[in-house]
N, C-alpha and C. Protein backbone atom coordinates (compact mmCIF):
# COMPACT_ATOMS: atom_id res chain seq x y z
N UNK A 1 84.92 115.96 135.78
CA UNK A 1 86.43 116.32 135.78
C UNK A 1 85.88 117.19 136.86
N UNK A 2 87.19 116.86 138.32
CA UNK A 2 87.09 117.69 139.58
C UNK A 2 87.67 119.52 139.19
N UNK A 3 86.91 120.15 139.67
CA UNK A 3 87.76 121.65 139.39
C UNK A 3 88.59 122.12 139.45
N UNK A 4 89.51 121.37 140.87
CA UNK A 4 90.46 121.31 140.90
C UNK A 4 91.90 121.07 139.16
N UNK A 5 91.06 120.34 138.91
CA UNK A 5 92.13 119.31 137.20
C UNK A 5 91.99 120.65 136.43
N UNK A 6 90.95 121.28 136.60
CA UNK A 6 90.83 122.24 135.16
C UNK A 6 91.58 122.94 135.59
N UNK A 7 91.96 123.38 137.06
CA UNK A 7 92.77 124.82 137.37
C UNK A 7 94.18 123.69 137.03
N UNK A 8 94.55 122.98 137.29
CA UNK A 8 95.74 122.34 137.06
C UNK A 8 96.26 122.09 136.11
N UNK A 9 95.30 121.42 135.22
CA UNK A 9 95.61 121.62 133.75
C UNK A 9 95.72 123.18 133.23
N UNK A 10 95.36 124.25 133.19
CA UNK A 10 95.38 125.25 132.84
C UNK A 10 96.55 125.87 133.14
N UNK A 11 96.97 125.90 134.63
CA UNK A 11 98.02 126.52 135.15
C UNK A 11 99.42 125.38 134.23
N UNK A 12 99.11 124.20 134.32
CA UNK A 12 100.00 123.50 133.91
C UNK A 12 100.38 124.09 132.18
N UNK A 13 99.58 124.27 131.52
CA UNK A 13 99.36 124.63 130.39
C UNK A 13 100.10 126.22 129.90
N UNK A 14 99.58 127.14 130.73
CA UNK A 14 100.67 128.19 130.71
C UNK A 14 101.67 128.12 131.61
N UNK A 15 102.10 127.31 132.68
CA UNK A 15 103.33 127.27 133.10
C UNK A 15 104.41 127.11 131.55
N UNK A 16 104.16 125.82 130.85
CA UNK A 16 104.74 125.35 129.61
C UNK A 16 105.05 126.34 128.96
N UNK A 17 103.93 127.57 128.26
CA UNK A 17 104.11 128.29 127.30
C UNK A 17 104.78 129.08 127.85
N UNK A 18 104.77 129.80 129.37
CA UNK A 18 106.06 130.85 129.77
C UNK A 18 107.17 130.24 130.01
N UNK A 19 107.38 129.05 130.28
CA UNK A 19 109.00 128.44 129.65
C UNK A 19 109.18 128.00 128.32
N UNK A 20 108.32 127.35 127.50
CA UNK A 20 108.86 128.03 125.97
C UNK A 20 109.25 129.52 125.61
N UNK A 21 108.70 130.34 126.34
CA UNK A 21 109.08 131.41 125.82
C UNK A 21 110.73 131.78 126.56
N UNK A 22 110.48 132.04 127.51
CA UNK A 22 112.02 131.68 127.89
C UNK A 22 112.84 131.13 127.58
N UNK A 23 112.92 129.86 127.17
CA UNK A 23 113.87 129.05 126.16
C UNK A 23 114.29 129.67 124.70
N UNK A 24 113.13 130.03 124.16
CA UNK A 24 113.50 130.47 122.91
C UNK A 24 113.65 131.81 122.81
N UNK A 25 113.60 132.73 123.63
CA UNK A 25 114.14 133.95 123.78
C UNK A 25 115.74 133.97 123.97
N UNK A 26 116.26 132.74 125.02
CA UNK A 26 117.80 132.68 125.53
C UNK A 26 118.21 132.52 124.28
N UNK A 27 117.65 132.02 123.28
CA UNK A 27 118.22 131.83 121.41
C UNK A 27 118.70 132.57 121.18
N UNK A 28 117.74 133.47 120.98
CA UNK A 28 117.82 134.92 120.36
C UNK A 28 119.14 135.49 120.83
N UNK A 29 119.99 135.96 119.33
CA UNK A 29 121.06 136.70 120.09
C UNK A 29 121.16 137.99 119.90
N UNK A 30 121.40 138.11 121.08
CA UNK A 30 121.52 139.82 121.62
C UNK A 30 122.78 140.44 121.62
N UNK A 31 123.62 140.15 120.78
CA UNK A 31 124.55 140.73 120.96
C UNK A 31 125.63 140.60 121.44
N UNK A 32 125.74 139.56 122.36
CA UNK A 32 126.68 139.54 123.52
C UNK A 32 126.59 138.07 123.78
N UNK A 33 128.05 137.23 123.66
CA UNK A 33 128.15 136.16 123.36
C UNK A 33 127.50 134.75 124.40
N UNK A 34 126.84 134.00 124.57
CA UNK A 34 126.32 132.78 125.19
C UNK A 34 126.52 131.59 124.73
N UNK A 35 126.64 130.84 125.27
CA UNK A 35 126.64 129.43 125.07
C UNK A 35 125.43 128.26 124.35
N UNK A 36 124.49 129.38 125.55
CA UNK A 36 122.92 129.12 124.72
C UNK A 36 122.52 128.95 123.61
N UNK A 37 123.63 130.12 122.93
CA UNK A 37 123.26 130.18 121.15
C UNK A 37 123.24 128.96 120.69
N UNK A 38 123.88 128.23 121.10
CA UNK A 38 124.34 127.05 119.90
C UNK A 38 123.72 125.75 120.07
N UNK A 39 122.75 126.17 121.56
CA UNK A 39 121.93 124.75 121.84
C UNK A 39 120.94 123.92 120.55
N UNK A 40 120.33 125.00 119.99
CA UNK A 40 119.84 124.34 118.80
C UNK A 40 120.53 123.77 117.58
N UNK A 41 121.67 124.12 117.35
CA UNK A 41 122.25 123.96 116.16
C UNK A 41 122.66 121.99 116.57
N UNK A 42 122.22 121.25 115.38
CA UNK A 42 122.42 119.64 115.81
C UNK A 42 124.05 119.49 114.80
N UNK A 43 125.04 118.81 114.38
CA UNK A 43 126.00 118.62 114.20
C UNK A 43 125.86 117.14 113.89
N UNK A 44 126.42 116.06 112.14
CA UNK A 44 126.24 115.21 112.17
C UNK A 44 127.41 114.29 112.86
N UNK A 45 127.27 113.70 113.37
CA UNK A 45 128.45 112.81 114.05
C UNK A 45 127.98 111.39 113.84
N UNK A 46 128.70 110.75 113.18
CA UNK A 46 128.73 109.14 113.01
C UNK A 46 127.43 108.80 112.43
N UNK A 47 126.53 109.63 111.39
CA UNK A 47 125.25 109.36 111.31
C UNK A 47 124.10 109.23 111.84
N UNK A 48 124.29 110.31 112.93
CA UNK A 48 123.08 110.62 113.90
C UNK A 48 123.18 112.43 114.14
N UNK A 49 122.32 112.83 113.78
CA UNK A 49 122.30 114.34 114.54
C UNK A 49 122.59 114.76 116.24
N UNK A 50 123.04 115.72 116.94
CA UNK A 50 123.87 115.66 118.09
C UNK A 50 124.23 116.81 118.37
N UNK A 51 123.58 117.81 119.44
CA UNK A 51 124.06 118.76 119.33
C UNK A 51 126.11 119.01 119.88
N UNK A 52 125.77 120.57 119.39
CA UNK A 52 127.17 120.38 119.75
C UNK A 52 127.90 120.51 120.98
N UNK A 53 127.71 120.28 121.89
CA UNK A 53 127.83 120.48 122.98
C UNK A 53 128.01 118.69 123.51
N UNK A 54 127.47 118.02 122.68
CA UNK A 54 127.69 116.61 122.97
C UNK A 54 129.29 116.40 121.91
N UNK A 55 129.76 117.18 121.51
CA UNK A 55 130.96 116.59 120.87
C UNK A 55 131.75 117.74 120.72
N UNK A 56 131.13 118.49 121.34
CA UNK A 56 133.20 119.52 122.00
C UNK A 56 132.65 120.49 123.10
N UNK A 57 133.23 120.91 123.73
CA UNK A 57 133.79 121.76 124.76
C UNK A 57 133.06 123.20 124.62
N UNK A 58 131.79 124.22 124.74
CA UNK A 58 131.84 125.29 124.41
C UNK A 58 132.31 126.11 126.00
N UNK A 59 133.38 127.09 125.62
CA UNK A 59 133.75 127.72 126.33
C UNK A 59 133.01 129.42 126.13
N UNK A 60 132.88 130.14 127.07
CA UNK A 60 132.39 131.66 126.66
C UNK A 60 133.42 132.86 127.59
N UNK A 61 134.97 132.87 126.65
CA UNK A 61 135.94 134.04 127.21
C UNK A 61 136.48 135.06 127.45
N UNK A 62 135.11 135.77 126.84
CA UNK A 62 135.05 137.08 126.90
C UNK A 62 133.57 137.22 125.77
N UNK A 63 132.79 138.78 126.57
CA UNK A 63 131.60 138.82 126.42
C UNK A 63 130.68 139.00 124.84
N UNK A 64 132.25 138.89 123.56
CA UNK A 64 132.26 138.81 122.19
C UNK A 64 132.25 137.46 121.33
N UNK A 65 132.90 136.69 122.41
CA UNK A 65 133.36 135.27 121.54
C UNK A 65 133.02 134.40 122.64
N UNK A 66 132.85 132.84 121.40
CA UNK A 66 132.16 131.64 121.80
C UNK A 66 133.42 130.95 121.25
N UNK A 67 134.11 130.00 122.04
CA UNK A 67 135.03 129.42 121.82
C UNK A 67 134.71 127.83 122.25
N UNK A 68 134.95 127.12 120.55
CA UNK A 68 134.63 125.52 120.80
C UNK A 68 135.56 124.88 120.46
N UNK A 69 135.94 123.60 121.43
CA UNK A 69 137.00 122.71 121.39
C UNK A 69 136.40 121.22 120.88
N UNK A 70 136.38 121.20 119.75
CA UNK A 70 136.02 120.17 119.33
C UNK A 70 136.70 118.65 120.13
N UNK A 71 136.42 117.60 120.78
CA UNK A 71 136.67 116.39 120.97
C UNK A 71 137.22 115.80 120.45
N UNK A 72 137.26 115.92 118.87
CA UNK A 72 138.06 114.68 117.84
C UNK A 72 138.23 115.81 116.78
N UNK A 73 139.43 115.55 115.76
CA UNK A 73 139.51 116.57 114.75
C UNK A 73 138.61 116.66 113.78
N UNK A 74 138.24 115.24 113.78
CA UNK A 74 137.31 115.34 112.69
C UNK A 74 135.44 115.97 112.62
N UNK A 75 135.68 116.48 113.89
CA UNK A 75 134.61 117.16 113.79
C UNK A 75 134.39 118.45 113.51
N UNK A 76 135.70 119.35 112.89
CA UNK A 76 136.17 120.56 113.31
C UNK A 76 135.09 120.81 111.94
N UNK A 77 135.44 120.61 110.43
CA UNK A 77 134.53 120.55 109.40
C UNK A 77 132.75 120.38 109.94
N UNK A 78 132.30 119.15 110.51
CA UNK A 78 131.13 119.32 110.80
C UNK A 78 130.50 120.24 111.61
N UNK A 79 131.38 120.65 112.67
CA UNK A 79 130.53 121.61 113.25
C UNK A 79 130.51 123.32 112.50
N UNK A 80 131.96 123.50 111.93
CA UNK A 80 132.04 124.70 110.75
C UNK A 80 130.31 124.48 110.06
N UNK A 81 130.16 123.46 109.51
CA UNK A 81 129.26 123.18 108.62
C UNK A 81 127.89 124.10 109.28
N UNK A 82 127.56 122.81 110.39
CA UNK A 82 126.56 123.30 111.14
C UNK A 82 126.33 124.69 111.56
N UNK A 83 127.48 125.11 111.66
CA UNK A 83 126.64 126.45 112.04
C UNK A 83 126.85 127.56 110.84
N UNK A 84 127.65 127.12 110.05
CA UNK A 84 127.42 128.33 108.80
C UNK A 84 125.69 127.94 108.21
N UNK A 85 125.38 126.70 108.58
CA UNK A 85 123.96 126.18 108.17
C UNK A 85 123.03 126.85 109.01
N UNK A 86 123.61 127.09 110.09
CA UNK A 86 122.01 127.85 111.03
C UNK A 86 122.19 128.90 110.85
N UNK A 87 120.70 129.60 111.68
CA UNK A 87 120.38 130.81 111.39
C UNK A 87 121.53 131.98 112.18
N UNK A 88 122.53 131.91 113.36
CA UNK A 88 123.05 132.17 113.70
C UNK A 88 123.38 133.43 113.23
N UNK A 89 123.93 133.05 111.29
CA UNK A 89 124.98 134.43 111.17
C UNK A 89 125.50 134.76 111.80
N UNK A 90 126.50 134.15 112.26
CA UNK A 90 127.69 134.23 112.50
C UNK A 90 128.63 133.63 111.97
N UNK A 91 130.07 133.71 111.10
CA UNK A 91 131.05 133.00 110.51
C UNK A 91 132.05 132.12 111.95
N UNK A 92 132.46 130.93 111.47
CA UNK A 92 133.21 130.55 112.30
C UNK A 92 134.58 130.92 111.64
N UNK A 93 135.79 130.99 113.01
CA UNK A 93 136.78 131.18 112.60
C UNK A 93 137.83 129.93 113.38
N UNK A 94 138.26 129.17 112.66
CA UNK A 94 139.21 127.78 112.86
C UNK A 94 140.99 127.98 112.69
N UNK A 95 141.29 127.56 113.88
CA UNK A 95 142.78 127.64 113.89
C UNK A 95 143.60 126.67 114.25
N UNK A 96 142.30 125.42 114.18
CA UNK A 96 143.42 123.98 114.07
C UNK A 96 143.08 123.71 115.31
N UNK A 97 143.20 124.16 116.62
CA UNK A 97 142.66 123.82 117.98
C UNK A 97 141.60 124.23 118.53
N UNK A 98 141.00 125.44 117.90
CA UNK A 98 139.70 125.74 118.64
C UNK A 98 138.52 126.82 117.48
N UNK A 99 137.80 126.47 117.25
CA UNK A 99 136.30 127.19 116.32
C UNK A 99 136.15 128.40 117.00
N UNK A 100 136.42 129.63 117.17
CA UNK A 100 136.01 130.93 117.46
C UNK A 100 134.62 131.72 116.64
N UNK A 101 133.75 132.12 117.62
CA UNK A 101 132.74 132.77 116.98
C UNK A 101 132.76 133.91 117.49
N UNK A 102 133.16 135.17 116.90
CA UNK A 102 133.19 136.39 117.19
C UNK A 102 131.52 137.01 117.18
N UNK A 103 131.39 137.27 117.98
CA UNK A 103 129.46 137.75 117.47
C UNK A 103 129.98 139.24 117.62
N UNK A 104 128.83 139.49 116.32
CA UNK A 104 129.39 141.30 116.20
C UNK A 104 128.02 142.10 117.06
N UNK A 105 128.78 143.50 117.42
CA UNK A 105 128.30 144.54 117.68
C UNK A 105 126.57 144.13 117.03
N UNK A 106 125.50 144.67 117.06
CA UNK A 106 124.35 144.72 116.38
C UNK A 106 123.90 146.18 116.22
N UNK A 107 123.63 146.24 114.63
CA UNK A 107 123.14 147.80 114.13
C UNK A 107 121.43 147.69 114.81
N UNK A 108 121.17 149.30 114.59
CA UNK A 108 120.08 149.88 115.03
C UNK A 108 119.08 149.27 114.38
N UNK A 109 119.20 148.39 113.37
CA UNK A 109 118.11 147.87 112.38
C UNK A 109 117.86 146.66 112.58
N UNK A 110 118.70 145.98 112.95
CA UNK A 110 119.22 144.39 113.57
C UNK A 110 118.23 144.13 115.03
N UNK A 111 119.06 144.84 115.92
CA UNK A 111 118.37 145.79 117.25
C UNK A 111 116.50 145.50 117.04
N UNK A 112 116.25 146.50 116.10
CA UNK A 112 114.50 146.77 116.54
C UNK A 112 114.01 145.00 115.32
N UNK A 113 114.69 144.75 114.45
CA UNK A 113 114.19 143.13 113.89
C UNK A 113 114.30 142.13 115.26
N UNK A 114 114.99 142.41 115.84
CA UNK A 114 114.99 141.26 116.84
C UNK A 114 113.69 141.44 118.26
N UNK A 115 113.78 142.81 118.13
CA UNK A 115 112.98 142.48 119.13
C UNK A 115 111.26 142.66 118.87
N UNK A 116 111.56 142.93 117.21
CA UNK A 116 110.21 142.70 116.75
C UNK A 116 110.10 141.36 117.08
N UNK A 117 111.23 140.42 116.39
CA UNK A 117 110.82 139.23 116.68
C UNK A 117 110.86 138.72 118.41
N UNK A 118 111.12 139.66 118.93
CA UNK A 118 110.89 138.71 120.23
C UNK A 118 109.37 138.94 120.56
N UNK A 119 109.18 139.94 120.21
CA UNK A 119 107.27 140.94 120.97
C UNK A 119 106.57 139.43 119.83
N UNK A 120 106.54 138.96 119.09
CA UNK A 120 105.95 137.50 118.18
C UNK A 120 106.39 136.72 119.28
N UNK A 121 107.51 136.23 119.55
CA UNK A 121 106.99 134.96 120.14
C UNK A 121 106.33 135.11 121.93
N UNK A 122 106.46 136.49 122.46
CA UNK A 122 105.51 136.55 123.54
C UNK A 122 104.17 136.54 122.95
N UNK A 123 103.99 136.94 121.90
CA UNK A 123 102.36 137.57 121.46
C UNK A 123 101.46 136.05 121.45
N UNK A 124 102.66 134.27 120.68
CA UNK A 124 102.34 133.26 120.75
C UNK A 124 102.30 132.97 122.25
N UNK A 125 102.91 133.44 123.00
CA UNK A 125 102.93 132.57 124.51
C UNK A 125 101.66 132.82 124.86
N UNK A 126 101.56 134.67 124.46
CA UNK A 126 100.15 134.93 125.64
C UNK A 126 98.69 134.20 124.97
N UNK A 127 98.59 134.11 123.39
CA UNK A 127 97.47 133.17 122.49
C UNK A 127 97.75 131.65 123.41
N UNK A 128 98.78 131.01 123.38
CA UNK A 128 98.80 129.92 124.23
C UNK A 128 98.17 129.92 125.62
N UNK A 129 98.36 131.08 126.71
CA UNK A 129 97.50 131.17 127.75
C UNK A 129 96.00 131.39 127.67
N UNK A 130 95.54 132.22 126.52
CA UNK A 130 94.38 132.72 126.62
C UNK A 130 93.59 131.35 126.36
N UNK A 131 94.27 130.37 125.53
CA UNK A 131 93.76 129.37 124.80
C UNK A 131 93.25 128.05 126.33
N UNK A 132 94.71 128.26 126.83
CA UNK A 132 94.34 127.21 127.52
C UNK A 132 93.47 127.55 129.28
N UNK A 133 93.14 129.46 129.36
CA UNK A 133 91.99 129.43 129.83
C UNK A 133 90.52 129.39 129.52
N UNK A 134 90.25 129.85 128.23
CA UNK A 134 89.53 129.54 127.71
C UNK A 134 89.01 127.79 127.32
N UNK A 135 89.79 127.35 127.51
CA UNK A 135 90.02 125.20 127.59
C UNK A 135 89.06 125.05 128.88
N UNK A 136 89.59 125.75 129.86
CA UNK A 136 89.15 125.48 131.33
C UNK A 136 87.91 125.91 131.60
N UNK A 137 87.47 127.23 130.83
CA UNK A 137 86.19 128.02 131.24
C UNK A 137 85.25 127.32 130.52
N UNK A 138 85.41 126.60 129.14
CA UNK A 138 84.59 125.94 128.31
C UNK A 138 84.28 124.53 129.06
N UNK A 139 85.16 124.03 130.24
CA UNK A 139 85.43 122.57 130.55
C UNK A 139 84.34 122.39 132.05
N UNK A 140 84.30 124.01 132.62
CA UNK A 140 83.83 124.24 133.91
C UNK A 140 82.59 124.70 133.12
N UNK A 141 82.06 124.92 132.23
CA UNK A 141 80.80 125.43 131.95
C UNK A 141 80.10 124.36 131.39
N UNK A 142 80.95 123.22 130.97
CA UNK A 142 80.12 121.89 130.81
C UNK A 142 79.80 121.08 132.02
N UNK A 143 80.68 121.50 133.30
CA UNK A 143 80.33 120.66 134.44
C UNK A 143 79.21 120.81 135.04
N UNK A 144 78.73 122.30 134.27
CA UNK A 144 77.44 122.89 135.45
C UNK A 144 76.49 122.02 134.78
N UNK A 145 76.00 121.15 133.55
CA UNK A 145 75.60 120.33 133.21
C UNK A 145 75.68 119.15 133.51
N UNK A 146 76.87 118.44 134.70
CA UNK A 146 76.69 117.55 134.81
C UNK A 146 76.55 117.67 136.54
N UNK A 147 75.90 119.01 136.95
CA UNK A 147 75.78 119.50 138.14
C UNK A 147 76.43 119.80 139.34
N UNK A 148 77.65 120.45 138.41
CA UNK A 148 77.93 121.46 139.33
C UNK A 148 77.64 122.84 139.40
N UNK A 149 77.61 123.16 140.77
CA UNK A 149 76.99 124.18 141.22
C UNK A 149 77.28 125.45 140.31
N UNK A 150 76.61 126.96 140.21
CA UNK A 150 76.78 128.06 139.31
C UNK A 150 78.02 128.74 140.17
N UNK A 151 77.93 128.57 141.29
CA UNK A 151 78.22 129.90 142.65
C UNK A 151 80.09 129.18 142.04
N UNK A 152 80.17 127.31 142.28
CA UNK A 152 81.76 126.68 142.61
C UNK A 152 82.01 127.08 141.32
N UNK A 153 81.47 127.07 140.06
CA UNK A 153 81.71 127.49 138.56
C UNK A 153 82.44 128.47 138.73
N UNK A 154 81.91 129.60 138.58
CA UNK A 154 82.13 130.82 138.97
C UNK A 154 83.58 131.58 139.65
N UNK A 155 83.80 130.87 140.74
CA UNK A 155 84.70 131.17 141.73
C UNK A 155 85.93 130.25 140.66
N UNK A 156 85.57 129.07 139.96
CA UNK A 156 86.85 128.13 139.75
C UNK A 156 87.02 129.43 138.08
N UNK A 157 86.44 130.05 137.70
CA UNK A 157 86.50 130.94 136.27
C UNK A 157 87.02 132.01 137.06
N UNK A 158 87.03 132.64 138.39
CA UNK A 158 88.09 133.85 138.95
C UNK A 158 89.52 133.34 138.93
N UNK A 159 89.66 132.13 139.07
CA UNK A 159 90.39 131.51 139.90
C UNK A 159 91.58 131.30 138.46
N UNK A 160 90.75 130.63 137.35
CA UNK A 160 91.31 130.69 136.11
C UNK A 160 91.54 131.74 135.48
N UNK A 161 91.07 132.91 136.14
CA UNK A 161 91.14 134.52 135.57
C UNK A 161 92.59 134.91 136.16
N UNK A 162 92.49 134.61 137.54
CA UNK A 162 94.04 134.85 138.13
C UNK A 162 95.17 134.32 137.79
N UNK A 163 94.85 133.04 137.31
CA UNK A 163 96.46 132.85 136.56
C UNK A 163 96.84 132.75 135.49
N UNK A 164 95.62 133.23 134.58
CA UNK A 164 95.60 133.73 133.23
C UNK A 164 96.24 135.70 133.61
N UNK A 165 96.08 136.41 134.35
CA UNK A 165 97.19 137.54 134.93
C UNK A 165 97.92 137.47 135.57
N UNK A 166 98.67 136.37 136.17
CA UNK A 166 99.76 135.78 136.39
C UNK A 166 100.75 135.39 135.39
N UNK A 167 100.52 134.65 134.56
CA UNK A 167 101.12 134.82 133.08
C UNK A 167 101.58 135.32 132.23
N UNK A 168 100.27 136.27 132.35
CA UNK A 168 100.61 137.21 131.07
C UNK A 168 101.78 138.30 131.96
N UNK A 169 102.00 138.75 133.45
CA UNK A 169 102.84 139.01 133.98
C UNK A 169 104.20 138.64 133.72
N UNK A 170 104.28 137.54 134.10
CA UNK A 170 105.33 137.21 133.62
C UNK A 170 106.00 136.87 132.09
N UNK A 171 105.13 136.99 131.18
CA UNK A 171 105.18 136.76 130.16
C UNK A 171 105.82 138.37 129.50
N UNK A 172 105.20 139.26 129.94
CA UNK A 172 105.73 140.41 130.00
C UNK A 172 107.11 141.27 130.56
N UNK A 173 107.73 140.12 131.57
CA UNK A 173 108.07 140.07 132.21
C UNK A 173 109.34 139.57 130.99
N UNK A 174 109.33 138.19 130.72
CA UNK A 174 110.35 138.00 130.28
C UNK A 174 110.34 138.69 128.75
N UNK A 175 110.06 139.62 127.95
CA UNK A 175 109.86 140.44 127.04
C UNK A 175 110.46 141.07 127.50
N UNK A 176 109.95 141.62 128.75
CA UNK A 176 110.58 142.96 128.72
C UNK A 176 112.05 143.23 128.81
N UNK A 177 112.70 142.09 129.17
CA UNK A 177 113.93 141.92 129.84
C UNK A 177 114.84 141.74 128.73
N UNK A 178 114.51 141.17 127.93
CA UNK A 178 114.54 140.57 126.34
C UNK A 178 114.94 141.60 125.58
N UNK A 179 113.92 142.73 125.72
CA UNK A 179 113.70 143.78 124.99
C UNK A 179 115.05 144.65 125.13
N UNK A 180 115.05 144.68 127.20
CA UNK A 180 115.87 145.97 127.61
C UNK A 180 117.60 145.32 127.06
N UNK A 181 117.74 143.68 126.81
CA UNK A 181 119.40 143.29 126.58
C UNK A 181 119.87 143.66 125.34
N UNK A 182 118.34 143.58 124.41
CA UNK A 182 119.02 143.93 123.00
C UNK A 182 118.75 145.32 123.11
N UNK A 183 118.60 145.74 123.73
CA UNK A 183 118.61 147.51 123.14
C UNK A 183 119.65 148.25 124.07
N UNK A 184 119.95 147.38 124.60
CA UNK A 184 121.41 147.90 125.38
C UNK A 184 122.89 147.74 124.64
N UNK A 185 123.35 148.82 124.24
CA UNK A 185 124.54 148.90 123.46
C UNK A 185 125.66 148.55 124.49
């Protein structure tokens, strides 16, 4: 394999880890309403599992409320059941027209637990980045046996380390942003 391929594979893996972390953090409830909180919840729609956004209109009228307007009356019970069974921790209110989710303010204890959960997710992303770095460096070391010069290998190793450092900063920034969002009362 070419040196560039190792670098590209490492960068791609590191980017995936950072993107996954950003996506995961967006689903963690930080005390304010967001339509993305419902992204992971699936409802039974004529025998198949579908995201709520495929069977209803989702809006955020204010900072503490999510309004869900199902397109079919039969979906009210299914959506309510899916939200109750999810780990969202919010009880839906149904007035026959709209399902409302009132996002309660977080307690100090819950904020600390959420920050801890975010820190764990960030650490998982960092482990993935480190693994991508290790795989790239191991591959480069194997290339020396195939005739790659040690100077080129060392330069490529430095490039991999620079990628690693860049993505570690990105992950730290995502975590710091989410931590600030959670701890802001």
